[in-house]
Amino acid sequence: MRRALPLILFALGLVVLGGLAVVVLTPKANVVATSSVGGPFTLTDQDGRRVTEADFAGKTHLVFFGFTHCPDVCPTTLQQIGDVLRALGPKGRDVKALFIAVDPERDTPAALKTYLASFDPRIVGLTGTPEEVAAAVKGYRAYVRKVPTKDGDYTMEHTALVYVMDGQNRFVNALNLARPPEAAAAELDKML
């Protein structure tokens, strides 16, 4: 057995190295196909109307997941989205941004309407039942987790990506908001 052990370890090492070579030499092995991001959803907008992804087809639009009790990331991102839409000028007139609420317990249509009144009117708030919101989150491959706080309340961890979707509701790219609105608008303009 002692003589066979080095041979077994060598063979095991070759198997491991072979597996690593496959992963390293196949760069798209862990990449999610863009066609698998997004998909059907049925939600309720801030005016109480039922909407689906089909209501936003035909034009490039943005999608952002968040919640109205978010202390910083969500309001900052919504403000940045509005700044980018304004920087687009007339080209951005018909671009919508969907704010899908990941906290359906608190984010009712009325709560969304009040919250979004502070932001660009092209931002549409969407909510639904926990199951409807979970289906949208899953379709966009987003992350959401309810986190209890020390005071007995809770907050929501979530994906803070701004998805750019084309007129056929296909994922195009993520919008980089970590730069001046004019630069982000120039990038978005190329995707319109």
C-alpha atoms as a PDB file:
ATOM      1  CA  MET A   1       0.000   0.000   0.000  1.00  0.00           C
ATOM      2  CA  ARG A   2       2.889   2.391   0.820  1.00  0.00           C
ATOM      3  CA  ARG A   3       4.298   2.009  -2.686  1.00  0.00           C
ATOM      4  CA  ALA A   4       0.887   2.591  -4.250  1.00  0.00           C
ATOM      5  CA  LEU A   5       0.157   5.744  -2.194  1.00  0.00           C
ATOM      6  CA  PRO A   6       2.457   8.084  -4.212  1.00  0.00           C
ATOM      7  CA  LEU A   7       0.991   6.716  -7.427  1.00  0.00           C
ATOM      8  CA  ILE A   8      -2.565   7.268  -6.152  1.00  0.00           C
ATOM      9  CA  LEU A   9      -1.710  10.819  -5.019  1.00  0.00           C
ATOM     10  CA  PHE A  10      -0.100  11.551  -8.387  1.00  0.00           C
ATOM     11  CA  ALA A  11      -3.193  10.271 -10.243  1.00  0.00           C
ATOM     12  CA  LEU A  12      -5.467  12.291  -7.955  1.00  0.00           C
ATOM     13  CA  GLY A  13      -3.340  15.395  -8.614  1.00  0.00           C
ATOM     14  CA  LEU A  14      -3.706  14.889 -12.359  1.00  0.00           C
ATOM     15  CA  VAL A  15      -7.481  14.646 -12.012  1.00  0.00           C
ATOM     16  CA  VAL A  16      -7.584  17.870  -9.968  1.00  0.00           C
ATOM     17  CA  LEU A  17      -5.276  19.687 -12.391  1.00  0.00           C
ATOM     18  CA  GLY A  18      -7.331  18.438 -15.330  1.00  0.00           C
ATOM     19  CA  GLY A  19     -10.495  19.798 -13.699  1.00  0.00           C
ATOM     20  CA  LEU A  20      -8.841  23.166 -13.067  1.00  0.00           C
ATOM     21  CA  ALA A  21      -7.665  23.307 -16.674  1.00  0.00           C
ATOM     22  CA  VAL A  22     -11.222  22.787 -17.877  1.00  0.00           C
ATOM     23  CA  VAL A  23     -12.486  25.624 -15.649  1.00  0.00           C
ATOM     24  CA  VAL A  24      -9.616  27.970 -16.555  1.00  0.00           C
ATOM     25  CA  LEU A  25      -9.711  27.195 -20.263  1.00  0.00           C
ATOM     26  CA  THR A  26     -13.506  27.578 -20.474  1.00  0.00           C
ATOM     27  CA  PRO A  27     -14.013  31.242 -19.574  1.00  0.00           C
ATOM     28  CA  LYS A  28     -17.780  31.145 -20.117  1.00  0.00           C
ATOM     29  CA  ALA A  29     -18.322  28.126 -17.854  1.00  0.00           C
ATOM     30  CA  ASN A  30     -19.679  30.257 -14.993  1.00  0.00           C
ATOM     31  CA  VAL A  31     -21.205  33.092 -17.008  1.00  0.00           C
ATOM     32  CA  VAL A  32     -24.996  33.445 -16.953  1.00  0.00           C
ATOM     33  CA  ALA A  33     -26.391  33.823 -20.437  1.00  0.00           C
ATOM     34  CA  THR A  34     -27.869  37.284 -20.843  1.00  0.00           C
ATOM     35  CA  SER A  35     -30.994  35.741 -22.325  1.00  0.00           C
ATOM     36  CA  SER A  36     -31.645  34.117 -18.951  1.00  0.00           C
ATOM     37  CA  VAL A  37     -31.825  37.450 -17.102  1.00  0.00           C
ATOM     38  CA  GLY A  38     -35.305  38.920 -16.858  1.00  0.00           C
ATOM     39  CA  GLY A  39     -38.504  37.261 -17.894  1.00  0.00           C
ATOM     40  CA  PRO A  40     -42.203  37.317 -17.256  1.00  0.00           C
ATOM     41  CA  PHE A  41     -43.658  39.064 -14.233  1.00  0.00           C
ATOM     42  CA  THR A  42     -47.022  40.313 -13.065  1.00  0.00           C
ATOM     43  CA  LEU A  43     -46.871  43.135 -10.512  1.00  0.00           C
ATOM     44  CA  THR A  44     -48.868  46.176  -9.406  1.00  0.00           C
ATOM     45  CA  ASP A  45     -47.678  49.710 -10.115  1.00  0.00           C
ATOM     46  CA  GLN A  46     -47.857  52.681  -7.738  1.00  0.00           C
ATOM     47  CA  ASP A  47     -51.271  53.605  -9.178  1.00  0.00           C
ATOM     48  CA  GLY A  48     -52.746  50.173  -8.427  1.00  0.00           C
ATOM     49  CA  ARG A  49     -52.682  48.926 -12.045  1.00  0.00           C
ATOM     50  CA  ARG A  50     -51.619  45.352 -12.769  1.00  0.00           C
ATOM     51  CA  VAL A  51     -48.702  45.284 -15.211  1.00  0.00           C
ATOM     52  CA  THR A  52     -46.510  42.681 -16.860  1.00  0.00           C
ATOM     53  CA  GLU A  53     -43.175  42.822 -18.626  1.00  0.00           C
ATOM     54  CA  ALA A  54     -45.126  43.180 -21.881  1.00  0.00           C
ATOM     55  CA  ASP A  55     -46.233  46.673 -20.769  1.00  0.00           C
ATOM     56  CA  PHE A  56     -42.601  47.795 -21.051  1.00  0.00           C
ATOM     57  CA  ALA A  57     -41.720  46.015 -24.302  1.00  0.00           C
ATOM     58  CA  GLY A  58     -40.871  48.031 -27.372  1.00  0.00           C
ATOM     59  CA  LYS A  59     -38.471  50.426 -25.655  1.00  0.00           C
ATOM     60  CA  THR A  60     -35.239  50.140 -23.743  1.00  0.00           C
ATOM     61  CA  HIS A  61     -35.903  50.408 -20.010  1.00  0.00           C
ATOM     62  CA  LEU A  62     -34.089  50.109 -16.699  1.00  0.00           C
ATOM     63  CA  VAL A  63     -34.850  47.785 -13.787  1.00  0.00           C
ATOM     64  CA  PHE A  64     -33.703  48.331 -10.208  1.00  0.00           C
ATOM     65  CA  PHE A  65     -34.636  46.314  -7.117  1.00  0.00           C
ATOM     66  CA  GLY A  66     -34.979  48.156  -3.812  1.00  0.00           C
ATOM     67  CA  PHE A  67     -37.282  49.163  -0.975  1.00  0.00           C
ATOM     68  CA  THR A  68     -38.723  52.369   0.409  1.00  0.00           C
ATOM     69  CA  HIS A  69     -37.222  51.996   3.889  1.00  0.00           C
ATOM     70  CA  CYS A  70     -33.702  51.794   2.448  1.00  0.00           C
ATOM     71  CA  PRO A  71     -31.573  54.440   4.171  1.00  0.00           C
ATOM     72  CA  ASP A  72     -29.029  55.177   1.450  1.00  0.00           C
ATOM     73  CA  VAL A  73     -28.436  52.903  -1.574  1.00  0.00           C
ATOM     74  CA  CYS A  74     -31.982  53.012  -2.978  1.00  0.00           C
ATOM     75  CA  PRO A  75     -32.633  56.757  -2.765  1.00  0.00           C
ATOM     76  CA  THR A  76     -29.138  57.498  -4.069  1.00  0.00           C
ATOM     77  CA  THR A  77     -29.550  55.094  -6.996  1.00  0.00           C
ATOM     78  CA  LEU A  78     -33.015  56.423  -7.856  1.00  0.00           C
ATOM     79  CA  GLN A  79     -31.651  59.977  -7.844  1.00  0.00           C
ATOM     80  CA  GLN A  80     -28.758  58.881 -10.085  1.00  0.00           C
ATOM     81  CA  ILE A  81     -31.171  57.158 -12.483  1.00  0.00           C
ATOM     82  CA  GLY A  82     -33.177  60.381 -12.715  1.00  0.00           C
ATOM     83  CA  ASP A  83     -29.989  62.372 -13.349  1.00  0.00           C
ATOM     84  CA  VAL A  84     -29.014  60.002 -16.183  1.00  0.00           C
ATOM     85  CA  LEU A  85     -32.488  60.175 -17.744  1.00  0.00           C
ATOM     86  CA  ARG A  86     -32.362  63.995 -17.662  1.00  0.00           C
ATOM     87  CA  ALA A  87     -28.830  63.934 -19.132  1.00  0.00           C
ATOM     88  CA  LEU A  88     -30.182  61.920 -22.080  1.00  0.00           C
ATOM     89  CA  GLY A  89     -32.282  64.938 -23.020  1.00  0.00           C
ATOM     90  CA  PRO A  90     -35.033  64.318 -25.588  1.00  0.00           C
ATOM     91  CA  LYS A  91     -33.739  60.774 -26.247  1.00  0.00           C
ATOM     92  CA  GLY A  92     -34.605  59.841 -22.673  1.00  0.00           C
ATOM     93  CA  ARG A  93     -38.161  61.147 -22.816  1.00  0.00           C
ATOM     94  CA  ASP A  94     -39.690  57.673 -23.244  1.00  0.00           C
ATOM     95  CA  VAL A  95     -37.183  55.663 -21.194  1.00  0.00           C
ATOM     96  CA  LYS A  96     -38.791  54.128 -18.104  1.00  0.00           C
ATOM     97  CA  ALA A  97     -37.032  52.865 -14.995  1.00  0.00           C
ATOM     98  CA  LEU A  98     -38.776  50.137 -13.034  1.00  0.00           C
ATOM     99  CA  PHE A  99     -38.260  50.196  -9.272  1.00  0.00           C
ATOM    100  CA  ILE A 100     -39.282  46.715  -8.138  1.00  0.00           C
ATOM    101  CA  ALA A 101     -39.899  46.735  -4.399  1.00  0.00           C
ATOM    102  CA  VAL A 102     -38.372  43.765  -2.588  1.00  0.00           C
ATOM    103  CA  ASP A 103     -40.318  44.488   0.612  1.00  0.00           C
ATOM    104  CA  PRO A 104     -43.935  43.760  -0.335  1.00  0.00           C
ATOM    105  CA  GLU A 105     -44.987  43.762   3.336  1.00  0.00           C
ATOM    106  CA  ARG A 106     -44.386  47.511   3.638  1.00  0.00           C
ATOM    107  CA  ASP A 107     -44.122  48.662   0.036  1.00  0.00           C
ATOM    108  CA  THR A 108     -47.751  48.898  -1.006  1.00  0.00           C
ATOM    109  CA  PRO A 109     -48.734  50.805  -4.147  1.00  0.00           C
ATOM    110  CA  ALA A 110     -49.643  53.821  -1.977  1.00  0.00           C
ATOM    111  CA  ALA A 111     -46.283  53.702  -0.162  1.00  0.00           C
ATOM    112  CA  LEU A 112     -44.458  53.511  -3.500  1.00  0.00           C
ATOM    113  CA  LYS A 113     -46.453  56.438  -4.891  1.00  0.00           C
ATOM    114  CA  THR A 114     -45.543  58.637  -1.914  1.00  0.00           C
ATOM    115  CA  TYR A 115     -41.895  57.549  -1.975  1.00  0.00           C
ATOM    116  CA  LEU A 116     -41.397  57.977  -5.716  1.00  0.00           C
ATOM    117  CA  ALA A 117     -42.918  61.469  -5.729  1.00  0.00           C
ATOM    118  CA  SER A 118     -39.417  62.696  -4.773  1.00  0.00           C
ATOM    119  CA  PHE A 119     -37.816  61.211  -7.892  1.00  0.00           C
ATOM    120  CA  ASP A 120     -38.030  61.445 -11.675  1.00  0.00           C
ATOM    121  CA  PRO A 121     -41.590  60.712 -12.917  1.00  0.00           C
ATOM    122  CA  ARG A 122     -40.219  58.178 -15.423  1.00  0.00           C
ATOM    123  CA  ILE A 123     -39.482  55.855 -12.488  1.00  0.00           C
ATOM    124  CA  VAL A 124     -42.329  53.373 -12.102  1.00  0.00           C
ATOM    125  CA  GLY A 125     -42.776  51.620  -8.764  1.00  0.00           C
ATOM    126  CA  LEU A 126     -43.812  47.977  -8.846  1.00  0.00           C
ATOM    127  CA  THR A 127     -44.842  45.675  -6.021  1.00  0.00           C
ATOM    128  CA  GLY A 128     -46.985  42.602  -5.539  1.00  0.00           C
ATOM    129  CA  THR A 129     -47.564  39.632  -3.341  1.00  0.00           C
ATOM    130  CA  PRO A 130     -44.468  38.051  -1.799  1.00  0.00           C
ATOM    131  CA  GLU A 131     -44.742  35.284  -4.398  1.00  0.00           C
ATOM    132  CA  GLU A 132     -44.993  37.738  -7.314  1.00  0.00           C
ATOM    133  CA  VAL A 133     -42.006  39.740  -6.091  1.00  0.00           C
ATOM    134  CA  ALA A 134     -40.016  36.525  -5.494  1.00  0.00           C
ATOM    135  CA  ALA A 135     -40.742  35.430  -9.071  1.00  0.00           C
ATOM    136  CA  ALA A 136     -39.453  38.755 -10.453  1.00  0.00           C
ATOM    137  CA  VAL A 137     -36.354  38.561  -8.249  1.00  0.00           C
ATOM    138  CA  LYS A 138     -35.691  35.025  -9.455  1.00  0.00           C
ATOM    139  CA  GLY A 139     -36.242  35.979 -13.102  1.00  0.00           C
ATOM    140  CA  TYR A 140     -33.647  38.743 -12.874  1.00  0.00           C
ATOM    141  CA  ARG A 141     -31.286  36.522 -10.887  1.00  0.00           C
ATOM    142  CA  ALA A 142     -31.234  39.135  -8.165  1.00  0.00           C
ATOM    143  CA  TYR A 143     -30.506  38.600  -4.489  1.00  0.00           C
ATOM    144  CA  VAL A 144     -32.861  39.535  -1.655  1.00  0.00           C
ATOM    145  CA  ARG A 145     -32.738  38.683   2.030  1.00  0.00           C
ATOM    146  CA  LYS A 146     -34.782  39.978   4.947  1.00  0.00           C
ATOM    147  CA  VAL A 147     -32.477  40.822   7.855  1.00  0.00           C
ATOM    148  CA  PRO A 148     -33.807  41.385  11.397  1.00  0.00           C
ATOM    149  CA  THR A 149     -32.434  44.447  13.205  1.00  0.00           C
ATOM    150  CA  LYS A 150     -31.628  44.802  16.913  1.00  0.00           C
ATOM    151  CA  ASP A 151     -34.713  46.959  17.542  1.00  0.00           C
ATOM    152  CA  GLY A 152     -37.096  44.210  16.386  1.00  0.00           C
ATOM    153  CA  ASP A 153     -37.597  45.721  12.922  1.00  0.00           C
ATOM    154  CA  TYR A 154     -35.940  44.488   9.733  1.00  0.00           C
ATOM    155  CA  THR A 155     -34.053  45.693   6.687  1.00  0.00           C
ATOM    156  CA  MET A 156     -33.574  44.158   3.258  1.00  0.00           C
ATOM    157  CA  GLU A 157     -30.316  43.141   1.641  1.00  0.00           C
ATOM    158  CA  HIS A 158     -30.656  43.169  -2.136  1.00  0.00           C
ATOM    159  CA  THR A 159     -28.906  43.375  -5.474  1.00  0.00           C
ATOM    160  CA  ALA A 160     -28.131  47.016  -6.254  1.00  0.00           C
ATOM    161  CA  LEU A 161     -27.567  46.520  -9.972  1.00  0.00           C
ATOM    162  CA  VAL A 162     -29.360  48.698 -12.541  1.00  0.00           C
ATOM    163  CA  TYR A 163     -30.341  46.367 -15.385  1.00  0.00           C
ATOM    164  CA  VAL A 164     -30.639  47.751 -18.917  1.00  0.00           C
ATOM    165  CA  MET A 165     -33.317  45.809 -20.803  1.00  0.00           C
ATOM    166  CA  ASP A 166     -33.945  46.188 -24.528  1.00  0.00           C
ATOM    167  CA  GLY A 167     -37.293  46.523 -26.289  1.00  0.00           C
ATOM    168  CA  GLN A 168     -37.744  42.740 -26.315  1.00  0.00           C
ATOM    169  CA  ASN A 169     -37.178  42.621 -22.514  1.00  0.00           C
ATOM    170  CA  ARG A 170     -33.728  41.089 -22.967  1.00  0.00           C
ATOM    171  CA  PHE A 171     -30.865  41.999 -20.661  1.00  0.00           C
ATOM    172  CA  VAL A 172     -28.321  44.234 -22.424  1.00  0.00           C
ATOM    173  CA  ASN A 173     -25.930  45.287 -19.676  1.00  0.00           C
ATOM    174  CA  ALA A 174     -25.702  46.792 -16.214  1.00  0.00           C
ATOM    175  CA  LEU A 175     -25.679  50.584 -16.092  1.00  0.00           C
ATOM    176  CA  ASN A 176     -22.600  51.967 -14.375  1.00  0.00           C
ATOM    177  CA  LEU A 177     -23.709  54.880 -12.193  1.00  0.00           C
ATOM    178  CA  ALA A 178     -20.313  55.375 -10.539  1.00  0.00           C
ATOM    179  CA  ARG A 179     -19.465  58.314 -12.824  1.00  0.00           C
ATOM    180  CA  PRO A 180     -21.014  61.612 -13.878  1.00  0.00           C
ATOM    181  CA  PRO A 181     -24.584  61.389 -15.227  1.00  0.00           C
ATOM    182  CA  GLU A 182     -23.458  62.590 -18.656  1.00  0.00           C
ATOM    183  CA  ALA A 183     -21.020  59.662 -19.010  1.00  0.00           C
ATOM    184  CA  ALA A 184     -23.634  57.122 -17.883  1.00  0.00           C
ATOM    185  CA  ALA A 185     -26.151  58.745 -20.252  1.00  0.00           C
ATOM    186  CA  ALA A 186     -23.703  58.446 -23.144  1.00  0.00           C
ATOM    187  CA  GLU A 187     -23.336  54.731 -22.396  1.00  0.00           C
ATOM    188  CA  LEU A 188     -27.094  54.273 -22.125  1.00  0.00           C
ATOM    189  CA  ASP A 189     -27.626  56.204 -25.356  1.00  0.00           C
ATOM    190  CA  LYS A 190     -25.600  53.555 -27.203  1.00  0.00           C
ATOM    191  CA  MET A 191     -27.994  50.896 -25.878  1.00  0.00           C
ATOM    192  CA  LEU A 192     -31.226  52.699 -26.840  1.00  0.00           C
END
